C-alpha cells in the first residue's frame, strides 16, 4: 500500500498454483 514506507499492511494473495511453501516464505 502507498506510501510503502509508512503503510503497515501487506496483502498476500495465493494463486491457484501457489504452494504452501511459497505462502510460508
PDBML (XML) file of the C-alpha atoms, coordinates in Angstrom:
<?xml version="1.0" encoding="UTF-8" ?>
<PDBx:datablock datablockName="MODEL"
   xmlns:PDBx="http://pdbml.pdb.org/schema/pdbx-v50.xsd"
   xmlns:xsi="http://www.w3.org/2001/XMLSchema-instance"
   xsi:schemaLocation="http://pdbml.pdb.org/schema/pdbx-v50.xsd pdbx-v50.xsd">
   <PDBx:atom_siteCategory>
      <PDBx:atom_site id="1">
         <PDBx:B_iso_or_equiv>0.00</PDBx:B_iso_or_equiv>
         <PDBx:Cartn_x>0.000</PDBx:Cartn_x>
         <PDBx:Cartn_y>0.000</PDBx:Cartn_y>
         <PDBx:Cartn_z>0.000</PDBx:Cartn_z>
         <PDBx:auth_asym_id>A</PDBx:auth_asym_id>
         <PDBx:auth_atom_id>CA</PDBx:auth_atom_id>
         <PDBx:auth_comp_id>UNK</PDBx:auth_comp_id>
         <PDBx:auth_seq_id>1</PDBx:auth_seq_id>
         <PDBx:group_PDB>ATOM</PDBx:group_PDB>
         <PDBx:label_alt_id xsi:nil="true" />
         <PDBx:label_asym_id>A</PDBx:label_asym_id>
         <PDBx:label_atom_id>CA</PDBx:label_atom_id>
         <PDBx:label_comp_id>UNK</PDBx:label_comp_id>
         <PDBx:label_entity_id>1</PDBx:label_entity_id>
         <PDBx:label_seq_id>1</PDBx:label_seq_id>
         <PDBx:occupancy>1.00</PDBx:occupancy>
         <PDBx:pdbx_PDB_model_num>1</PDBx:pdbx_PDB_model_num>
         <PDBx:type_symbol>C</PDBx:type_symbol>
      </PDBx:atom_site>
      <PDBx:atom_site id="2">
         <PDBx:B_iso_or_equiv>0.00</PDBx:B_iso_or_equiv>
         <PDBx:Cartn_x>1.202</PDBx:Cartn_x>
         <PDBx:Cartn_y>3.505</PDBx:Cartn_y>
         <PDBx:Cartn_z>-0.791</PDBx:Cartn_z>
         <PDBx:auth_asym_id>A</PDBx:auth_asym_id>
         <PDBx:auth_atom_id>CA</PDBx:auth_atom_id>
         <PDBx:auth_comp_id>UNK</PDBx:auth_comp_id>
         <PDBx:auth_seq_id>2</PDBx:auth_seq_id>
         <PDBx:group_PDB>ATOM</PDBx:group_PDB>
         <PDBx:label_alt_id xsi:nil="true" />
         <PDBx:label_asym_id>A</PDBx:label_asym_id>
         <PDBx:label_atom_id>CA</PDBx:label_atom_id>
         <PDBx:label_comp_id>UNK</PDBx:label_comp_id>
         <PDBx:label_entity_id>1</PDBx:label_entity_id>
         <PDBx:label_seq_id>2</PDBx:label_seq_id>
         <PDBx:occupancy>1.00</PDBx:occupancy>
         <PDBx:pdbx_PDB_model_num>1</PDBx:pdbx_PDB_model_num>
         <PDBx:type_symbol>C</PDBx:type_symbol>
      </PDBx:atom_site>
      <PDBx:atom_site id="3">
         <PDBx:B_iso_or_equiv>0.00</PDBx:B_iso_or_equiv>
         <PDBx:Cartn_x>3.368</PDBx:Cartn_x>
         <PDBx:Cartn_y>5.023</PDBx:Cartn_y>
         <PDBx:Cartn_z>0.590</PDBx:Cartn_z>
         <PDBx:auth_asym_id>A</PDBx:auth_asym_id>
         <PDBx:auth_atom_id>CA</PDBx:auth_atom_id>
         <PDBx:auth_comp_id>UNK</PDBx:auth_comp_id>
         <PDBx:auth_seq_id>3</PDBx:auth_seq_id>
         <PDBx:group_PDB>ATOM</PDBx:group_PDB>
         <PDBx:label_alt_id xsi:nil="true" />
         <PDBx:label_asym_id>A</PDBx:label_asym_id>
         <PDBx:label_atom_id>CA</PDBx:label_atom_id>
         <PDBx:label_comp_id>UNK</PDBx:label_comp_id>
         <PDBx:label_entity_id>1</PDBx:label_entity_id>
         <PDBx:label_seq_id>3</PDBx:label_seq_id>
         <PDBx:occupancy>1.00</PDBx:occupancy>
         <PDBx:pdbx_PDB_model_num>1</PDBx:pdbx_PDB_model_num>
         <PDBx:type_symbol>C</PDBx:type_symbol>
      </PDBx:atom_site>
      <PDBx:atom_site id="4">
         <PDBx:B_iso_or_equiv>0.00</PDBx:B_iso_or_equiv>
         <PDBx:Cartn_x>5.126</PDBx:Cartn_x>
         <PDBx:Cartn_y>1.725</PDBx:Cartn_y>
         <PDBx:Cartn_z>1.258</PDBx:Cartn_z>
         <PDBx:auth_asym_id>A</PDBx:auth_asym_id>
         <PDBx:auth_atom_id>CA</PDBx:auth_atom_id>
         <PDBx:auth_comp_id>UNK</PDBx:auth_comp_id>
         <PDBx:auth_seq_id>4</PDBx:auth_seq_id>
         <PDBx:group_PDB>ATOM</PDBx:group_PDB>
         <PDBx:label_alt_id xsi:nil="true" />
         <PDBx:label_asym_id>A</PDBx:label_asym_id>
         <PDBx:label_atom_id>CA</PDBx:label_atom_id>
         <PDBx:label_comp_id>UNK</PDBx:label_comp_id>
         <PDBx:label_entity_id>1</PDBx:label_entity_id>
         <PDBx:label_seq_id>4</PDBx:label_seq_id>
         <PDBx:occupancy>1.00</PDBx:occupancy>
         <PDBx:pdbx_PDB_model_num>1</PDBx:pdbx_PDB_model_num>
         <PDBx:type_symbol>C</PDBx:type_symbol>
      </PDBx:atom_site>
      <PDBx:atom_site id="5">
         <PDBx:B_iso_or_equiv>0.00</PDBx:B_iso_or_equiv>
         <PDBx:Cartn_x>7.487</PDBx:Cartn_x>
         <PDBx:Cartn_y>3.122</PDBx:Cartn_y>
         <PDBx:Cartn_z>3.908</PDBx:Cartn_z>
         <PDBx:auth_asym_id>A</PDBx:auth_asym_id>
         <PDBx:auth_atom_id>CA</PDBx:auth_atom_id>
         <PDBx:auth_comp_id>UNK</PDBx:auth_comp_id>
         <PDBx:auth_seq_id>5</PDBx:auth_seq_id>
         <PDBx:group_PDB>ATOM</PDBx:group_PDB>
         <PDBx:label_alt_id xsi:nil="true" />
         <PDBx:label_asym_id>A</PDBx:label_asym_id>
         <PDBx:label_atom_id>CA</PDBx:label_atom_id>
         <PDBx:label_comp_id>UNK</PDBx:label_comp_id>
         <PDBx:label_entity_id>1</PDBx:label_entity_id>
         <PDBx:label_seq_id>5</PDBx:label_seq_id>
         <PDBx:occupancy>1.00</PDBx:occupancy>
         <PDBx:pdbx_PDB_model_num>1</PDBx:pdbx_PDB_model_num>
         <PDBx:type_symbol>C</PDBx:type_symbol>
      </PDBx:atom_site>
      <PDBx:atom_site id="6">
         <PDBx:B_iso_or_equiv>0.00</PDBx:B_iso_or_equiv>
         <PDBx:Cartn_x>4.526</PDBx:Cartn_x>
         <PDBx:Cartn_y>4.264</PDBx:Cartn_y>
         <PDBx:Cartn_z>6.045</PDBx:Cartn_z>
         <PDBx:auth_asym_id>A</PDBx:auth_asym_id>
         <PDBx:auth_atom_id>CA</PDBx:auth_atom_id>
         <PDBx:auth_comp_id>UNK</PDBx:auth_comp_id>
         <PDBx:auth_seq_id>6</PDBx:auth_seq_id>
         <PDBx:group_PDB>ATOM</PDBx:group_PDB>
         <PDBx:label_alt_id xsi:nil="true" />
         <PDBx:label_asym_id>A</PDBx:label_asym_id>
         <PDBx:label_atom_id>CA</PDBx:label_atom_id>
         <PDBx:label_comp_id>UNK</PDBx:label_comp_id>
         <PDBx:label_entity_id>1</PDBx:label_entity_id>
         <PDBx:label_seq_id>6</PDBx:label_seq_id>
         <PDBx:occupancy>1.00</PDBx:occupancy>
         <PDBx:pdbx_PDB_model_num>1</PDBx:pdbx_PDB_model_num>
         <PDBx:type_symbol>C</PDBx:type_symbol>
      </PDBx:atom_site>
      <PDBx:atom_site id="7">
         <PDBx:B_iso_or_equiv>0.00</PDBx:B_iso_or_equiv>
         <PDBx:Cartn_x>1.703</PDBx:Cartn_x>
         <PDBx:Cartn_y>1.795</PDBx:Cartn_y>
         <PDBx:Cartn_z>5.391</PDBx:Cartn_z>
         <PDBx:auth_asym_id>A</PDBx:auth_asym_id>
         <PDBx:auth_atom_id>CA</PDBx:auth_atom_id>
         <PDBx:auth_comp_id>UNK</PDBx:auth_comp_id>
         <PDBx:auth_seq_id>7</PDBx:auth_seq_id>
         <PDBx:group_PDB>ATOM</PDBx:group_PDB>
         <PDBx:label_alt_id xsi:nil="true" />
         <PDBx:label_asym_id>A</PDBx:label_asym_id>
         <PDBx:label_atom_id>CA</PDBx:label_atom_id>
         <PDBx:label_comp_id>UNK</PDBx:label_comp_id>
         <PDBx:label_entity_id>1</PDBx:label_entity_id>
         <PDBx:label_seq_id>7</PDBx:label_seq_id>
         <PDBx:occupancy>1.00</PDBx:occupancy>
         <PDBx:pdbx_PDB_model_num>1</PDBx:pdbx_PDB_model_num>
         <PDBx:type_symbol>C</PDBx:type_symbol>
      </PDBx:atom_site>
      <PDBx:atom_site id="8">
         <PDBx:B_iso_or_equiv>0.00</PDBx:B_iso_or_equiv>
         <PDBx:Cartn_x>1.914</PDBx:Cartn_x>
         <PDBx:Cartn_y>-1.160</PDBx:Cartn_y>
         <PDBx:Cartn_z>7.797</PDBx:Cartn_z>
         <PDBx:auth_asym_id>A</PDBx:auth_asym_id>
         <PDBx:auth_atom_id>CA</PDBx:auth_atom_id>
         <PDBx:auth_comp_id>UNK</PDBx:auth_comp_id>
         <PDBx:auth_seq_id>8</PDBx:auth_seq_id>
         <PDBx:group_PDB>ATOM</PDBx:group_PDB>
         <PDBx:label_alt_id xsi:nil="true" />
         <PDBx:label_asym_id>A</PDBx:label_asym_id>
         <PDBx:label_atom_id>CA</PDBx:label_atom_id>
         <PDBx:label_comp_id>UNK</PDBx:label_comp_id>
         <PDBx:label_entity_id>1</PDBx:label_entity_id>
         <PDBx:label_seq_id>8</PDBx:label_seq_id>
         <PDBx:occupancy>1.00</PDBx:occupancy>
         <PDBx:pdbx_PDB_model_num>1</PDBx:pdbx_PDB_model_num>
         <PDBx:type_symbol>C</PDBx:type_symbol>
      </PDBx:atom_site>
      <PDBx:atom_site id="9">
         <PDBx:B_iso_or_equiv>0.00</PDBx:B_iso_or_equiv>
         <PDBx:Cartn_x>-0.020</PDBx:Cartn_x>
         <PDBx:Cartn_y>-3.776</PDBx:Cartn_y>
         <PDBx:Cartn_z>5.798</PDBx:Cartn_z>
         <PDBx:auth_asym_id>A</PDBx:auth_asym_id>
         <PDBx:auth_atom_id>CA</PDBx:auth_atom_id>
         <PDBx:auth_comp_id>UNK</PDBx:auth_comp_id>
         <PDBx:auth_seq_id>9</PDBx:auth_seq_id>
         <PDBx:group_PDB>ATOM</PDBx:group_PDB>
         <PDBx:label_alt_id xsi:nil="true" />
         <PDBx:label_asym_id>A</PDBx:label_asym_id>
         <PDBx:label_atom_id>CA</PDBx:label_atom_id>
         <PDBx:label_comp_id>UNK</PDBx:label_comp_id>
         <PDBx:label_entity_id>1</PDBx:label_entity_id>
         <PDBx:label_seq_id>9</PDBx:label_seq_id>
         <PDBx:occupancy>1.00</PDBx:occupancy>
         <PDBx:pdbx_PDB_model_num>1</PDBx:pdbx_PDB_model_num>
         <PDBx:type_symbol>C</PDBx:type_symbol>
      </PDBx:atom_site>
      <PDBx:atom_site id="10">
         <PDBx:B_iso_or_equiv>0.00</PDBx:B_iso_or_equiv>
         <PDBx:Cartn_x>0.834</PDBx:Cartn_x>
         <PDBx:Cartn_y>-6.219</PDBx:Cartn_y>
         <PDBx:Cartn_z>3.020</PDBx:Cartn_z>
         <PDBx:auth_asym_id>A</PDBx:auth_asym_id>
         <PDBx:auth_atom_id>CA</PDBx:auth_atom_id>
         <PDBx:auth_comp_id>UNK</PDBx:auth_comp_id>
         <PDBx:auth_seq_id>10</PDBx:auth_seq_id>
         <PDBx:group_PDB>ATOM</PDBx:group_PDB>
         <PDBx:label_alt_id xsi:nil="true" />
         <PDBx:label_asym_id>A</PDBx:label_asym_id>
         <PDBx:label_atom_id>CA</PDBx:label_atom_id>
         <PDBx:label_comp_id>UNK</PDBx:label_comp_id>
         <PDBx:label_entity_id>1</PDBx:label_entity_id>
         <PDBx:label_seq_id>10</PDBx:label_seq_id>
         <PDBx:occupancy>1.00</PDBx:occupancy>
         <PDBx:pdbx_PDB_model_num>1</PDBx:pdbx_PDB_model_num>
         <PDBx:type_symbol>C</PDBx:type_symbol>
      </PDBx:atom_site>
      <PDBx:atom_site id="11">
         <PDBx:B_iso_or_equiv>0.00</PDBx:B_iso_or_equiv>
         <PDBx:Cartn_x>-1.906</PDBx:Cartn_x>
         <PDBx:Cartn_y>-8.322</PDBx:Cartn_y>
         <PDBx:Cartn_z>1.432</PDBx:Cartn_z>
         <PDBx:auth_asym_id>A</PDBx:auth_asym_id>
         <PDBx:auth_atom_id>CA</PDBx:auth_atom_id>
         <PDBx:auth_comp_id>UNK</PDBx:auth_comp_id>
         <PDBx:auth_seq_id>11</PDBx:auth_seq_id>
         <PDBx:group_PDB>ATOM</PDBx:group_PDB>
         <PDBx:label_alt_id xsi:nil="true" />
         <PDBx:label_asym_id>A</PDBx:label_asym_id>
         <PDBx:label_atom_id>CA</PDBx:label_atom_id>
         <PDBx:label_comp_id>UNK</PDBx:label_comp_id>
         <PDBx:label_entity_id>1</PDBx:label_entity_id>
         <PDBx:label_seq_id>11</PDBx:label_seq_id>
         <PDBx:occupancy>1.00</PDBx:occupancy>
         <PDBx:pdbx_PDB_model_num>1</PDBx:pdbx_PDB_model_num>
         <PDBx:type_symbol>C</PDBx:type_symbol>
      </PDBx:atom_site>
      <PDBx:atom_site id="12">
         <PDBx:B_iso_or_equiv>0.00</PDBx:B_iso_or_equiv>
         <PDBx:Cartn_x>-0.583</PDBx:Cartn_x>
         <PDBx:Cartn_y>-11.750</PDBx:Cartn_y>
         <PDBx:Cartn_z>0.407</PDBx:Cartn_z>
         <PDBx:auth_asym_id>A</PDBx:auth_asym_id>
         <PDBx:auth_atom_id>CA</PDBx:auth_atom_id>
         <PDBx:auth_comp_id>UNK</PDBx:auth_comp_id>
         <PDBx:auth_seq_id>12</PDBx:auth_seq_id>
         <PDBx:group_PDB>ATOM</PDBx:group_PDB>
         <PDBx:label_alt_id xsi:nil="true" />
         <PDBx:label_asym_id>A</PDBx:label_asym_id>
         <PDBx:label_atom_id>CA</PDBx:label_atom_id>
         <PDBx:label_comp_id>UNK</PDBx:label_comp_id>
         <PDBx:label_entity_id>1</PDBx:label_entity_id>
         <PDBx:label_seq_id>12</PDBx:label_seq_id>
         <PDBx:occupancy>1.00</PDBx:occupancy>
         <PDBx:pdbx_PDB_model_num>1</PDBx:pdbx_PDB_model_num>
         <PDBx:type_symbol>C</PDBx:type_symbol>
      </PDBx:atom_site>
      <PDBx:atom_site id="13">
         <PDBx:B_iso_or_equiv>0.00</PDBx:B_iso_or_equiv>
         <PDBx:Cartn_x>-2.555</PDBx:Cartn_x>
         <PDBx:Cartn_y>-13.315</PDBx:Cartn_y>
         <PDBx:Cartn_z>-2.456</PDBx:Cartn_z>
         <PDBx:auth_asym_id>A</PDBx:auth_asym_id>
         <PDBx:auth_atom_id>CA</PDBx:auth_atom_id>
         <PDBx:auth_comp_id>UNK</PDBx:auth_comp_id>
         <PDBx:auth_seq_id>13</PDBx:auth_seq_id>
         <PDBx:group_PDB>ATOM</PDBx:group_PDB>
         <PDBx:label_alt_id xsi:nil="true" />
         <PDBx:label_asym_id>A</PDBx:label_asym_id>
         <PDBx:label_atom_id>CA</PDBx:label_atom_id>
         <PDBx:label_comp_id>UNK</PDBx:label_comp_id>
         <PDBx:label_entity_id>1</PDBx:label_entity_id>
         <PDBx:label_seq_id>13</PDBx:label_seq_id>
         <PDBx:occupancy>1.00</PDBx:occupancy>
         <PDBx:pdbx_PDB_model_num>1</PDBx:pdbx_PDB_model_num>
         <PDBx:type_symbol>C</PDBx:type_symbol>
      </PDBx:atom_site>
      <PDBx:atom_site id="14">
         <PDBx:B_iso_or_equiv>0.00</PDBx:B_iso_or_equiv>
         <PDBx:Cartn_x>-2.476</PDBx:Cartn_x>
         <PDBx:Cartn_y>-17.052</PDBx:Cartn_y>
         <PDBx:Cartn_z>-3.157</PDBx:Cartn_z>
         <PDBx:auth_asym_id>A</PDBx:auth_asym_id>
         <PDBx:auth_atom_id>CA</PDBx:auth_atom_id>
         <PDBx:auth_comp_id>UNK</PDBx:auth_comp_id>
         <PDBx:auth_seq_id>14</PDBx:auth_seq_id>
         <PDBx:group_PDB>ATOM</PDBx:group_PDB>
         <PDBx:label_alt_id xsi:nil="true" />
         <PDBx:label_asym_id>A</PDBx:label_asym_id>
         <PDBx:label_atom_id>CA</PDBx:label_atom_id>
         <PDBx:label_comp_id>UNK</PDBx:label_comp_id>
         <PDBx:label_entity_id>1</PDBx:label_entity_id>
         <PDBx:label_seq_id>14</PDBx:label_seq_id>
         <PDBx:occupancy>1.00</PDBx:occupancy>
         <PDBx:pdbx_PDB_model_num>1</PDBx:pdbx_PDB_model_num>
         <PDBx:type_symbol>C</PDBx:type_symbol>
      </PDBx:atom_site>
      <PDBx:atom_site id="15">
         <PDBx:B_iso_or_equiv>0.00</PDBx:B_iso_or_equiv>
         <PDBx:Cartn_x>-2.939</PDBx:Cartn_x>
         <PDBx:Cartn_y>-18.082</PDBx:Cartn_y>
         <PDBx:Cartn_z>-6.762</PDBx:Cartn_z>
         <PDBx:auth_asym_id>A</PDBx:auth_asym_id>
         <PDBx:auth_atom_id>CA</PDBx:auth_atom_id>
         <PDBx:auth_comp_id>UNK</PDBx:auth_comp_id>
         <PDBx:auth_seq_id>15</PDBx:auth_seq_id>
         <PDBx:group_PDB>ATOM</PDBx:group_PDB>
         <PDBx:label_alt_id xsi:nil="true" />
         <PDBx:label_asym_id>A</PDBx:label_asym_id>
         <PDBx:label_atom_id>CA</PDBx:label_atom_id>
         <PDBx:label_comp_id>UNK</PDBx:label_comp_id>
         <PDBx:label_entity_id>1</PDBx:label_entity_id>
         <PDBx:label_seq_id>15</PDBx:label_seq_id>
         <PDBx:occupancy>1.00</PDBx:occupancy>
         <PDBx:pdbx_PDB_model_num>1</PDBx:pdbx_PDB_model_num>
         <PDBx:type_symbol>C</PDBx:type_symbol>
      </PDBx:atom_site>
      <PDBx:atom_site id="16">
         <PDBx:B_iso_or_equiv>0.00</PDBx:B_iso_or_equiv>
         <PDBx:Cartn_x>-4.398</PDBx:Cartn_x>
         <PDBx:Cartn_y>-21.471</PDBx:Cartn_y>
         <PDBx:Cartn_z>-7.681</PDBx:Cartn_z>
         <PDBx:auth_asym_id>A</PDBx:auth_asym_id>
         <PDBx:auth_atom_id>CA</PDBx:auth_atom_id>
         <PDBx:auth_comp_id>UNK</PDBx:auth_comp_id>
         <PDBx:auth_seq_id>16</PDBx:auth_seq_id>
         <PDBx:group_PDB>ATOM</PDBx:group_PDB>
         <PDBx:label_alt_id xsi:nil="true" />
         <PDBx:label_asym_id>A</PDBx:label_asym_id>
         <PDBx:label_atom_id>CA</PDBx:label_atom_id>
         <PDBx:label_comp_id>UNK</PDBx:label_comp_id>
         <PDBx:label_entity_id>1</PDBx:label_entity_id>
         <PDBx:label_seq_id>16</PDBx:label_seq_id>
         <PDBx:occupancy>1.00</PDBx:occupancy>
         <PDBx:pdbx_PDB_model_num>1</PDBx:pdbx_PDB_model_num>
         <PDBx:type_symbol>C</PDBx:type_symbol>
      </PDBx:atom_site>
      <PDBx:atom_site id="17">
         <PDBx:B_iso_or_equiv>0.00</PDBx:B_iso_or_equiv>
         <PDBx:Cartn_x>-0.904</PDBx:Cartn_x>
         <PDBx:Cartn_y>-22.877</PDBx:Cartn_y>
         <PDBx:Cartn_z>-8.260</PDBx:Cartn_z>
         <PDBx:auth_asym_id>A</PDBx:auth_asym_id>
         <PDBx:auth_atom_id>CA</PDBx:auth_atom_id>
         <PDBx:auth_comp_id>UNK</PDBx:auth_comp_id>
         <PDBx:auth_seq_id>17</PDBx:auth_seq_id>
         <PDBx:group_PDB>ATOM</PDBx:group_PDB>
         <PDBx:label_alt_id xsi:nil="true" />
         <PDBx:label_asym_id>A</PDBx:label_asym_id>
         <PDBx:label_atom_id>CA</PDBx:label_atom_id>
         <PDBx:label_comp_id>UNK</PDBx:label_comp_id>
         <PDBx:label_entity_id>1</PDBx:label_entity_id>
         <PDBx:label_seq_id>17</PDBx:label_seq_id>
         <PDBx:occupancy>1.00</PDBx:occupancy>
         <PDBx:pdbx_PDB_model_num>1</PDBx:pdbx_PDB_model_num>
         <PDBx:type_symbol>C</PDBx:type_symbol>
      </PDBx:atom_site>
      <PDBx:atom_site id="18">
         <PDBx:B_iso_or_equiv>0.00</PDBx:B_iso_or_equiv>
         <PDBx:Cartn_x>0.802</PDBx:Cartn_x>
         <PDBx:Cartn_y>-21.150</PDBx:Cartn_y>
         <PDBx:Cartn_z>-5.305</PDBx:Cartn_z>
         <PDBx:auth_asym_id>A</PDBx:auth_asym_id>
         <PDBx:auth_atom_id>CA</PDBx:auth_atom_id>
         <PDBx:auth_comp_id>UNK</PDBx:auth_comp_id>
         <PDBx:auth_seq_id>18</PDBx:auth_seq_id>
         <PDBx:group_PDB>ATOM</PDBx:group_PDB>
         <PDBx:label_alt_id xsi:nil="true" />
         <PDBx:label_asym_id>A</PDBx:label_asym_id>
         <PDBx:label_atom_id>CA</PDBx:label_atom_id>
         <PDBx:label_comp_id>UNK</PDBx:label_comp_id>
         <PDBx:label_entity_id>1</PDBx:label_entity_id>
         <PDBx:label_seq_id>18</PDBx:label_seq_id>
         <PDBx:occupancy>1.00</PDBx:occupancy>
         <PDBx:pdbx_PDB_model_num>1</PDBx:pdbx_PDB_model_num>
         <PDBx:type_symbol>C</PDBx:type_symbol>
      </PDBx:atom_site>
      <PDBx:atom_site id="19">
         <PDBx:B_iso_or_equiv>0.00</PDBx:B_iso_or_equiv>
         <PDBx:Cartn_x>2.326</PDBx:Cartn_x>
         <PDBx:Cartn_y>-23.724</PDBx:Cartn_y>
         <PDBx:Cartn_z>-2.948</PDBx:Cartn_z>
         <PDBx:auth_asym_id>A</PDBx:auth_asym_id>
         <PDBx:auth_atom_id>CA</PDBx:auth_atom_id>
         <PDBx:auth_comp_id>UNK</PDBx:auth_comp_id>
         <PDBx:auth_seq_id>19</PDBx:auth_seq_id>
         <PDBx:group_PDB>ATOM</PDBx:group_PDB>
         <PDBx:label_alt_id xsi:nil="true" />
         <PDBx:label_asym_id>A</PDBx:label_asym_id>
         <PDBx:label_atom_id>CA</PDBx:label_atom_id>
         <PDBx:label_comp_id>UNK</PDBx:label_comp_id>
         <PDBx:label_entity_id>1</PDBx:label_entity_id>
         <PDBx:label_seq_id>19</PDBx:label_seq_id>
         <PDBx:occupancy>1.00</PDBx:occupancy>
         <PDBx:pdbx_PDB_model_num>1</PDBx:pdbx_PDB_model_num>
         <PDBx:type_symbol>C</PDBx:type_symbol>
      </PDBx:atom_site>
      <PDBx:atom_site id="20">
         <PDBx:B_iso_or_equiv>0.00</PDBx:B_iso_or_equiv>
         <PDBx:Cartn_x>2.052</PDBx:Cartn_x>
         <PDBx:Cartn_y>-23.626</PDBx:Cartn_y>
         <PDBx:Cartn_z>0.831</PDBx:Cartn_z>
         <PDBx:auth_asym_id>A</PDBx:auth_asym_id>
         <PDBx:auth_atom_id>CA</PDBx:auth_atom_id>
         <PDBx:auth_comp_id>UNK</PDBx:auth_comp_id>
         <PDBx:auth_seq_id>20</PDBx:auth_seq_id>
         <PDBx:group_PDB>ATOM</PDBx:group_PDB>
         <PDBx:label_alt_id xsi:nil="true" />
         <PDBx:label_asym_id>A</PDBx:label_asym_id>
         <PDBx:label_atom_id>CA</PDBx:label_atom_id>
         <PDBx:label_comp_id>UNK</PDBx:label_comp_id>
         <PDBx:label_entity_id>1</PDBx:label_entity_id>
         <PDBx:label_seq_id>20</PDBx:label_seq_id>
         <PDBx:occupancy>1.00</PDBx:occupancy>
         <PDBx:pdbx_PDB_model_num>1</PDBx:pdbx_PDB_model_num>
         <PDBx:type_symbol>C</PDBx:type_symbol>
      </PDBx:atom_site>
      <PDBx:atom_site id="21">
         <PDBx:B_iso_or_equiv>0.00</PDBx:B_iso_or_equiv>
         <PDBx:Cartn_x>5.844</PDBx:Cartn_x>
         <PDBx:Cartn_y>-23.408</PDBx:Cartn_y>
         <PDBx:Cartn_z>0.933</PDBx:Cartn_z>
         <PDBx:auth_asym_id>A</PDBx:auth_asym_id>
         <PDBx:auth_atom_id>CA</PDBx:auth_atom_id>
         <PDBx:auth_comp_id>UNK</PDBx:auth_comp_id>
         <PDBx:auth_seq_id>21</PDBx:auth_seq_id>
         <PDBx:group_PDB>ATOM</PDBx:group_PDB>
         <PDBx:label_alt_id xsi:nil="true" />
         <PDBx:label_asym_id>A</PDBx:label_asym_id>
         <PDBx:label_atom_id>CA</PDBx:label_atom_id>
         <PDBx:label_comp_id>UNK</PDBx:label_comp_id>
         <PDBx:label_entity_id>1</PDBx:label_entity_id>
         <PDBx:label_seq_id>21</PDBx:label_seq_id>
         <PDBx:occupancy>1.00</PDBx:occupancy>
         <PDBx:pdbx_PDB_model_num>1</PDBx:pdbx_PDB_model_num>
         <PDBx:type_symbol>C</PDBx:type_symbol>
      </PDBx:atom_site>
      <PDBx:atom_site id="22">
         <PDBx:B_iso_or_equiv>0.00</PDBx:B_iso_or_equiv>
         <PDBx:Cartn_x>5.726</PDBx:Cartn_x>
         <PDBx:Cartn_y>-20.185</PDBx:Cartn_y>
         <PDBx:Cartn_z>-1.108</PDBx:Cartn_z>
         <PDBx:auth_asym_id>A</PDBx:auth_asym_id>
         <PDBx:auth_atom_id>CA</PDBx:auth_atom_id>
         <PDBx:auth_comp_id>UNK</PDBx:auth_comp_id>
         <PDBx:auth_seq_id>22</PDBx:auth_seq_id>
         <PDBx:group_PDB>ATOM</PDBx:group_PDB>
         <PDBx:label_alt_id xsi:nil="true" />
         <PDBx:label_asym_id>A</PDBx:label_asym_id>
         <PDBx:label_atom_id>CA</PDBx:label_atom_id>
         <PDBx:label_comp_id>UNK</PDBx:label_comp_id>
         <PDBx:label_entity_id>1</PDBx:label_entity_id>
         <PDBx:label_seq_id>22</PDBx:label_seq_id>
         <PDBx:occupancy>1.00</PDBx:occupancy>
         <PDBx:pdbx_PDB_model_num>1</PDBx:pdbx_PDB_model_num>
         <PDBx:type_symbol>C</PDBx:type_symbol>
      </PDBx:atom_site>
      <PDBx:atom_site id="23">
         <PDBx:B_iso_or_equiv>0.00</PDBx:B_iso_or_equiv>
         <PDBx:Cartn_x>2.975</PDBx:Cartn_x>
         <PDBx:Cartn_y>-18.800</PDBx:Cartn_y>
         <PDBx:Cartn_z>1.127</PDBx:Cartn_z>
         <PDBx:auth_asym_id>A</PDBx:auth_asym_id>
         <PDBx:auth_atom_id>CA</PDBx:auth_atom_id>
         <PDBx:auth_comp_id>UNK</PDBx:auth_comp_id>
         <PDBx:auth_seq_id>23</PDBx:auth_seq_id>
         <PDBx:group_PDB>ATOM</PDBx:group_PDB>
         <PDBx:label_alt_id xsi:nil="true" />
         <PDBx:label_asym_id>A</PDBx:label_asym_id>
         <PDBx:label_atom_id>CA</PDBx:label_atom_id>
         <PDBx:label_comp_id>UNK</PDBx:label_comp_id>
         <PDBx:label_entity_id>1</PDBx:label_entity_id>
         <PDBx:label_seq_id>23</PDBx:label_seq_id>
         <PDBx:occupancy>1.00</PDBx:occupancy>
         <PDBx:pdbx_PDB_model_num>1</PDBx:pdbx_PDB_model_num>
         <PDBx:type_symbol>C</PDBx:type_symbol>
      </PDBx:atom_site>
      <PDBx:atom_site id="24">
         <PDBx:B_iso_or_equiv>0.00</PDBx:B_iso_or_equiv>
         <PDBx:Cartn_x>5.026</PDBx:Cartn_x>
         <PDBx:Cartn_y>-19.540</PDBx:Cartn_y>
         <PDBx:Cartn_z>4.253</PDBx:Cartn_z>
         <PDBx:auth_asym_id>A</PDBx:auth_asym_id>
         <PDBx:auth_atom_id>CA</PDBx:auth_atom_id>
         <PDBx:auth_comp_id>UNK</PDBx:auth_comp_id>
         <PDBx:auth_seq_id>24</PDBx:auth_seq_id>
         <PDBx:group_PDB>ATOM</PDBx:group_PDB>
         <PDBx:label_alt_id xsi:nil="true" />
         <PDBx:label_asym_id>A</PDBx:label_asym_id>
         <PDBx:label_atom_id>CA</PDBx:label_atom_id>
         <PDBx:label_comp_id>UNK</PDBx:label_comp_id>
         <PDBx:label_entity_id>1</PDBx:label_entity_id>
         <PDBx:label_seq_id>24</PDBx:label_seq_id>
         <PDBx:occupancy>1.00</PDBx:occupancy>
         <PDBx:pdbx_PDB_model_num>1</PDBx:pdbx_PDB_model_num>
         <PDBx:type_symbol>C</PDBx:type_symbol>
      </PDBx:atom_site>
      <PDBx:atom_site id="25">
         <PDBx:B_iso_or_equiv>0.00</PDBx:B_iso_or_equiv>
         <PDBx:Cartn_x>8.036</PDBx:Cartn_x>
         <PDBx:Cartn_y>-17.805</PDBx:Cartn_y>
         <PDBx:Cartn_z>2.700</PDBx:Cartn_z>
         <PDBx:auth_asym_id>A</PDBx:auth_asym_id>
         <PDBx:auth_atom_id>CA</PDBx:auth_atom_id>
         <PDBx:auth_comp_id>UNK</PDBx:auth_comp_id>
         <PDBx:auth_seq_id>25</PDBx:auth_seq_id>
         <PDBx:group_PDB>ATOM</PDBx:group_PDB>
         <PDBx:label_alt_id xsi:nil="true" />
         <PDBx:label_asym_id>A</PDBx:label_asym_id>
         <PDBx:label_atom_id>CA</PDBx:label_atom_id>
         <PDBx:label_comp_id>UNK</PDBx:label_comp_id>
         <PDBx:label_entity_id>1</PDBx:label_entity_id>
         <PDBx:label_seq_id>25</PDBx:label_seq_id>
         <PDBx:occupancy>1.00</PDBx:occupancy>
         <PDBx:pdbx_PDB_model_num>1</PDBx:pdbx_PDB_model_num>
         <PDBx:type_symbol>C</PDBx:type_symbol>
      </PDBx:atom_site>
   </PDBx:atom_siteCategory>
</PDBx:datablock>
